[in-house]
């Protein structure tokens, strides 16, 4: 069974920075995509950023230029560096990966970590 453990959330003032981490553990043959999503109260979960095994990245327009996603393949860990945070970035942030065991693909989710940005 694969587990994702997130860390790094918290309370920060607008303009501040945070770094989120997500470590995957368990029986994983190879991880394809790693990503961060967020869900604010009353809103649907949305993609924040994703990174492929080859290092290609994709960002939501709202975070481009402020957030950076990176991964350490040796540690099966993905990071989200968040700069110039805004109150509208307040949400629960979830990590998710797409991995393969043989021909089957799986997408587990982390438990979520709260990010609160005060104005």
Protein backbone atom coordinates (compact mmCIF):
# COMPACT_ATOMS: atom_id res chain seq x y z
CA UNK A 1 0.00 0.00 0.00
CA UNK A 2 1.33 3.41 -0.99
CA UNK A 3 1.17 6.29 1.44
CA UNK A 4 1.70 10.00 0.84
CA UNK A 5 2.75 12.10 3.81
CA UNK A 6 2.56 15.86 3.45
CA UNK A 7 4.19 18.48 5.62
CA UNK A 8 4.99 22.17 5.64
CA UNK A 9 1.62 23.87 5.83
CA UNK A 10 0.81 26.61 8.30
CA UNK A 11 -0.15 30.21 8.84
CA UNK A 12 1.74 32.95 7.03
CA UNK A 13 1.22 36.61 6.30
CA UNK A 14 0.52 37.83 2.79
CA UNK A 15 3.74 38.15 0.86
CA UNK A 16 5.38 35.38 2.82
CA UNK A 17 6.65 31.98 1.75
CA UNK A 18 6.10 28.33 2.60
CA UNK A 19 7.48 25.06 1.34
CA UNK A 20 5.31 21.96 1.20
CA UNK A 21 6.77 18.46 1.03
CA UNK A 22 5.16 15.15 0.14
CA UNK A 23 6.95 11.85 0.54
CA UNK A 24 5.64 8.68 -1.07
CA UNK A 25 6.34 5.32 0.54
CA UNK A 26 5.36 1.75 -0.14
CA UNK A 27 5.59 -0.60 -3.11
CA UNK A 28 6.17 1.74 -6.02
CA UNK A 29 7.82 0.60 -9.21
CA UNK A 30 7.91 3.98 -10.90
CA UNK A 31 6.28 7.34 -10.37
CA UNK A 32 5.12 9.18 -13.44
CA UNK A 33 3.38 12.35 -12.41
CA UNK A 34 3.56 14.13 -9.05
CA UNK A 35 1.36 17.07 -8.27
CA UNK A 36 -0.23 19.45 -5.83
CA UNK A 37 -3.90 20.33 -5.69
CA UNK A 38 -5.84 22.60 -3.39
CA UNK A 39 -9.37 23.01 -2.15
CA UNK A 40 -10.68 26.17 -0.56
CA UNK A 41 -13.92 26.17 1.48
CA UNK A 42 -16.92 25.99 -0.79
CA UNK A 43 -14.83 25.43 -3.90
CA UNK A 44 -13.84 22.45 -5.99
CA UNK A 45 -10.41 20.91 -5.77
CA UNK A 46 -8.12 22.41 -8.38
CA UNK A 47 -4.72 21.65 -9.82
CA UNK A 48 -1.95 23.90 -8.52
CA UNK A 49 1.12 22.37 -10.15
CA UNK A 50 2.34 19.08 -11.55
CA UNK A 51 5.67 17.64 -12.63
CA UNK A 52 6.39 14.62 -14.78
CA UNK A 53 9.15 12.08 -14.37
CA UNK A 54 11.07 13.94 -17.05
CA UNK A 55 10.83 17.22 -15.19
CA UNK A 56 8.17 18.93 -17.30
CA UNK A 57 5.98 21.20 -15.23
CA UNK A 58 2.51 22.67 -15.46
CA UNK A 59 1.05 25.41 -13.26
CA UNK A 60 -2.31 26.95 -12.67
CA UNK A 61 -2.39 30.47 -14.07
CA UNK A 62 -3.08 31.87 -10.61
CA UNK A 63 0.27 30.64 -9.23
CA UNK A 64 2.58 31.05 -12.22
CA UNK A 65 5.67 33.04 -11.29
CA UNK A 66 5.04 32.58 -7.56
CA UNK A 67 5.06 28.82 -6.99
CA UNK A 68 7.69 26.28 -8.03
CA UNK A 69 7.24 22.52 -8.05
CA UNK A 70 10.22 20.18 -7.86
CA UNK A 71 10.85 16.53 -7.14
CA UNK A 72 13.57 14.29 -5.75
CA UNK A 73 13.20 10.97 -7.50
CA UNK A 74 15.66 9.21 -5.20
CA UNK A 75 13.45 10.10 -2.23
CA UNK A 76 10.08 9.80 -4.02
CA UNK A 77 9.37 13.29 -2.75
CA UNK A 78 7.73 16.30 -4.36
CA UNK A 79 8.00 19.87 -3.12
CA UNK A 80 6.00 23.02 -3.64
CA UNK A 81 7.82 26.27 -2.99
CA UNK A 82 5.28 29.03 -2.53
CA UNK A 83 6.37 32.66 -2.62
CA UNK A 84 4.46 35.94 -2.57
CA UNK A 85 1.52 34.21 -0.95
CA UNK A 86 -1.88 35.84 -1.15
CA UNK A 87 -4.99 35.41 1.02
CA UNK A 88 -6.67 33.68 -1.94
CA UNK A 89 -4.04 30.93 -1.72
CA UNK A 90 -5.64 29.83 1.54
CA UNK A 91 -6.79 26.24 1.13
CA UNK A 92 -6.09 22.65 2.04
CA UNK A 93 -3.26 21.46 -0.20
CA UNK A 94 -3.20 17.84 -1.33
CA UNK A 95 -0.40 15.87 -2.85
CA UNK A 96 -1.12 13.25 -5.49
CA UNK A 97 1.00 10.98 -7.63
CA UNK A 98 0.47 8.67 -10.57
CA UNK A 99 2.53 5.52 -10.30
CA UNK A 100 2.73 2.19 -12.02
CA UNK A 101 3.07 -1.31 -10.68
CA UNK A 102 3.32 -3.45 -13.78
CA UNK A 103 0.74 -2.33 -16.33
CA UNK A 104 -1.66 -0.88 -13.77
CA UNK A 105 -1.71 2.82 -12.91
CA UNK A 106 -2.70 4.18 -9.51
CA UNK A 107 -3.41 7.66 -8.11
CA UNK A 108 -3.30 7.92 -4.34
CA UNK A 109 -3.86 11.17 -2.43
CA UNK A 110 -2.30 12.61 0.68
CA UNK A 111 -4.31 13.62 3.72
CA UNK A 112 -3.95 17.33 3.00
CA UNK A 113 -2.16 20.15 4.76
CA UNK A 114 -3.73 23.49 5.63
CA UNK A 115 -2.22 26.68 4.26
CA UNK A 116 -3.64 29.91 5.65
CA UNK A 117 -2.52 33.29 4.37
CA UNK A 118 -3.54 36.29 6.44
CA UNK A 119 -3.95 39.76 4.98
